[in-house]
């Protein structure tokens, strides 16, 4: 219940860079998708993250528009979209950049992404 009250269990957009810091402060595990509306692969990523957010309520799943977040993209060295920043205890521990770790194909499965997030220990994966 505490997780759900903090926005876990759903995949949603955070409005600004400032909100990013608040979101990662209040949850132990956060997956943040840096995206751009016009990037087709970001829409593919959205579909998978929507499924995983419902399945893994121990982790908060959010997205942030990269074009509206120049400071954060610079600070986290985000150059490729989509990029997932994997945050544990308020610190960015790992990144999933593009689809390279996901088989380098647009047709990767949700399970492949789930496995990759499990490797980073940002979700409870068995």
Protein backbone atom coordinates (compact mmCIF):
# COMPACT_ATOMS: atom_id res chain seq x y z
CA UNK A 1 0.00 0.00 0.00
CA UNK A 2 2.86 2.35 0.83
CA UNK A 3 4.40 1.71 -2.61
CA UNK A 4 1.08 2.37 -4.36
CA UNK A 5 0.70 5.66 -2.47
CA UNK A 6 4.08 6.73 -3.87
CA UNK A 7 3.05 6.05 -7.46
CA UNK A 8 4.27 2.47 -7.81
CA UNK A 9 2.24 0.03 -9.93
CA UNK A 10 1.70 2.52 -12.75
CA UNK A 11 3.84 3.98 -15.49
CA UNK A 12 3.47 7.74 -15.65
CA UNK A 13 5.11 10.88 -16.88
CA UNK A 14 6.78 13.27 -14.47
CA UNK A 15 6.33 16.90 -15.48
CA UNK A 16 9.79 18.38 -14.90
CA UNK A 17 13.42 17.82 -14.00
CA UNK A 18 12.76 19.15 -10.52
CA UNK A 19 10.11 16.45 -10.00
CA UNK A 20 12.66 13.78 -11.00
CA UNK A 21 14.70 14.39 -7.84
CA UNK A 22 11.61 14.16 -5.64
CA UNK A 23 10.51 10.92 -7.31
CA UNK A 24 13.87 9.15 -6.90
CA UNK A 25 14.24 10.37 -3.32
CA UNK A 26 11.02 8.75 -2.11
CA UNK A 27 11.47 5.29 -3.68
CA UNK A 28 14.29 2.77 -3.31
CA UNK A 29 14.07 1.53 -6.93
CA UNK A 30 13.17 3.74 -9.90
CA UNK A 31 13.24 3.14 -13.65
CA UNK A 32 13.14 6.45 -15.52
CA UNK A 33 12.60 6.42 -19.30
CA UNK A 34 14.11 9.45 -21.03
CA UNK A 35 12.07 9.79 -24.21
CA UNK A 36 11.04 12.02 -27.10
CA UNK A 37 7.52 11.96 -28.58
CA UNK A 38 8.80 11.76 -32.15
CA UNK A 39 11.12 8.80 -31.49
CA UNK A 40 9.39 5.58 -32.58
CA UNK A 41 11.49 3.36 -30.34
CA UNK A 42 10.40 5.34 -27.27
CA UNK A 43 6.82 4.24 -28.01
CA UNK A 44 7.98 0.61 -28.15
CA UNK A 45 9.68 1.07 -24.76
CA UNK A 46 6.51 2.66 -23.33
CA UNK A 47 4.48 -0.45 -24.14
CA UNK A 48 6.88 -2.75 -22.29
CA UNK A 49 7.26 -0.43 -19.29
CA UNK A 50 3.47 -0.14 -18.90
CA UNK A 51 3.30 -3.94 -18.50
CA UNK A 52 6.28 -4.12 -16.12
CA UNK A 53 5.04 -1.27 -13.90
CA UNK A 54 1.90 -3.27 -13.07
CA UNK A 55 3.89 -6.46 -12.48
CA UNK A 56 6.72 -5.01 -10.36
CA UNK A 57 5.16 -2.69 -7.81
CA UNK A 58 8.38 -2.79 -5.77
CA UNK A 59 9.81 -0.38 -8.38
CA UNK A 60 8.59 3.02 -9.54
CA UNK A 61 8.34 3.42 -13.34
CA UNK A 62 8.34 6.96 -14.70
CA UNK A 63 9.16 8.77 -17.92
CA UNK A 64 10.64 12.20 -18.56
CA UNK A 65 10.67 14.16 -21.81
CA UNK A 66 14.35 14.50 -22.72
CA UNK A 67 13.76 17.68 -24.74
CA UNK A 68 12.35 19.38 -21.64
CA UNK A 69 15.17 18.09 -19.42
CA UNK A 70 18.46 19.46 -20.80
CA UNK A 71 20.13 19.74 -17.37
CA UNK A 72 19.39 16.16 -16.38
CA UNK A 73 20.33 14.75 -19.81
CA UNK A 74 23.65 16.58 -19.60
CA UNK A 75 24.30 15.50 -16.00
CA UNK A 76 23.41 11.85 -16.67
CA UNK A 77 25.16 11.93 -20.09
CA UNK A 78 22.06 10.80 -21.97
CA UNK A 79 22.73 10.97 -25.71
CA UNK A 80 20.60 8.15 -27.17
CA UNK A 81 16.83 7.83 -26.91
CA UNK A 82 15.28 5.81 -25.49
CA UNK A 83 17.50 5.56 -22.42
CA UNK A 84 16.39 4.05 -19.12
CA UNK A 85 18.13 5.41 -16.04
CA UNK A 86 18.08 2.71 -13.33
CA UNK A 87 18.11 4.39 -9.93
CA UNK A 88 18.71 2.65 -6.60
CA UNK A 89 18.65 4.54 -3.30
CA UNK A 90 18.66 7.89 -5.10
CA UNK A 91 21.74 7.13 -7.22
CA UNK A 92 21.77 6.24 -10.91
CA UNK A 93 23.41 2.79 -10.96
CA UNK A 94 22.96 1.66 -14.54
CA UNK A 95 21.50 2.54 -17.93
CA UNK A 96 19.69 0.70 -20.69
CA UNK A 97 20.72 2.67 -23.78
CA UNK A 98 18.65 2.11 -26.90
CA UNK A 99 17.93 -1.53 -27.67
CA UNK A 100 21.54 -2.81 -27.67
CA UNK A 101 21.10 -4.83 -24.43
CA UNK A 102 17.71 -6.08 -25.62
CA UNK A 103 18.85 -8.04 -28.67
CA UNK A 104 19.29 -4.99 -30.92
CA UNK A 105 15.81 -5.47 -32.40
CA UNK A 106 12.53 -3.54 -32.24
CA UNK A 107 10.76 -6.88 -31.58
CA UNK A 108 12.33 -7.62 -28.20
CA UNK A 109 9.99 -9.16 -25.62
CA UNK A 110 8.85 -7.68 -22.35
CA UNK A 111 10.60 -10.64 -20.69
CA UNK A 112 13.92 -9.54 -22.25
CA UNK A 113 13.55 -6.07 -20.75
CA UNK A 114 12.45 -7.60 -17.45
CA UNK A 115 15.57 -9.80 -17.42
CA UNK A 116 17.79 -6.75 -18.13
CA UNK A 117 16.22 -4.74 -15.29
CA UNK A 118 16.66 -7.81 -13.07
CA UNK A 119 20.38 -7.90 -13.93
CA UNK A 120 20.64 -4.35 -12.59
CA UNK A 121 18.77 -5.44 -9.43
CA UNK A 122 16.24 -2.64 -9.86
CA UNK A 123 13.32 -5.13 -9.88
CA UNK A 124 12.83 -8.42 -8.04
CA UNK A 125 13.47 -10.87 -10.87
CA UNK A 126 13.60 -14.65 -10.60
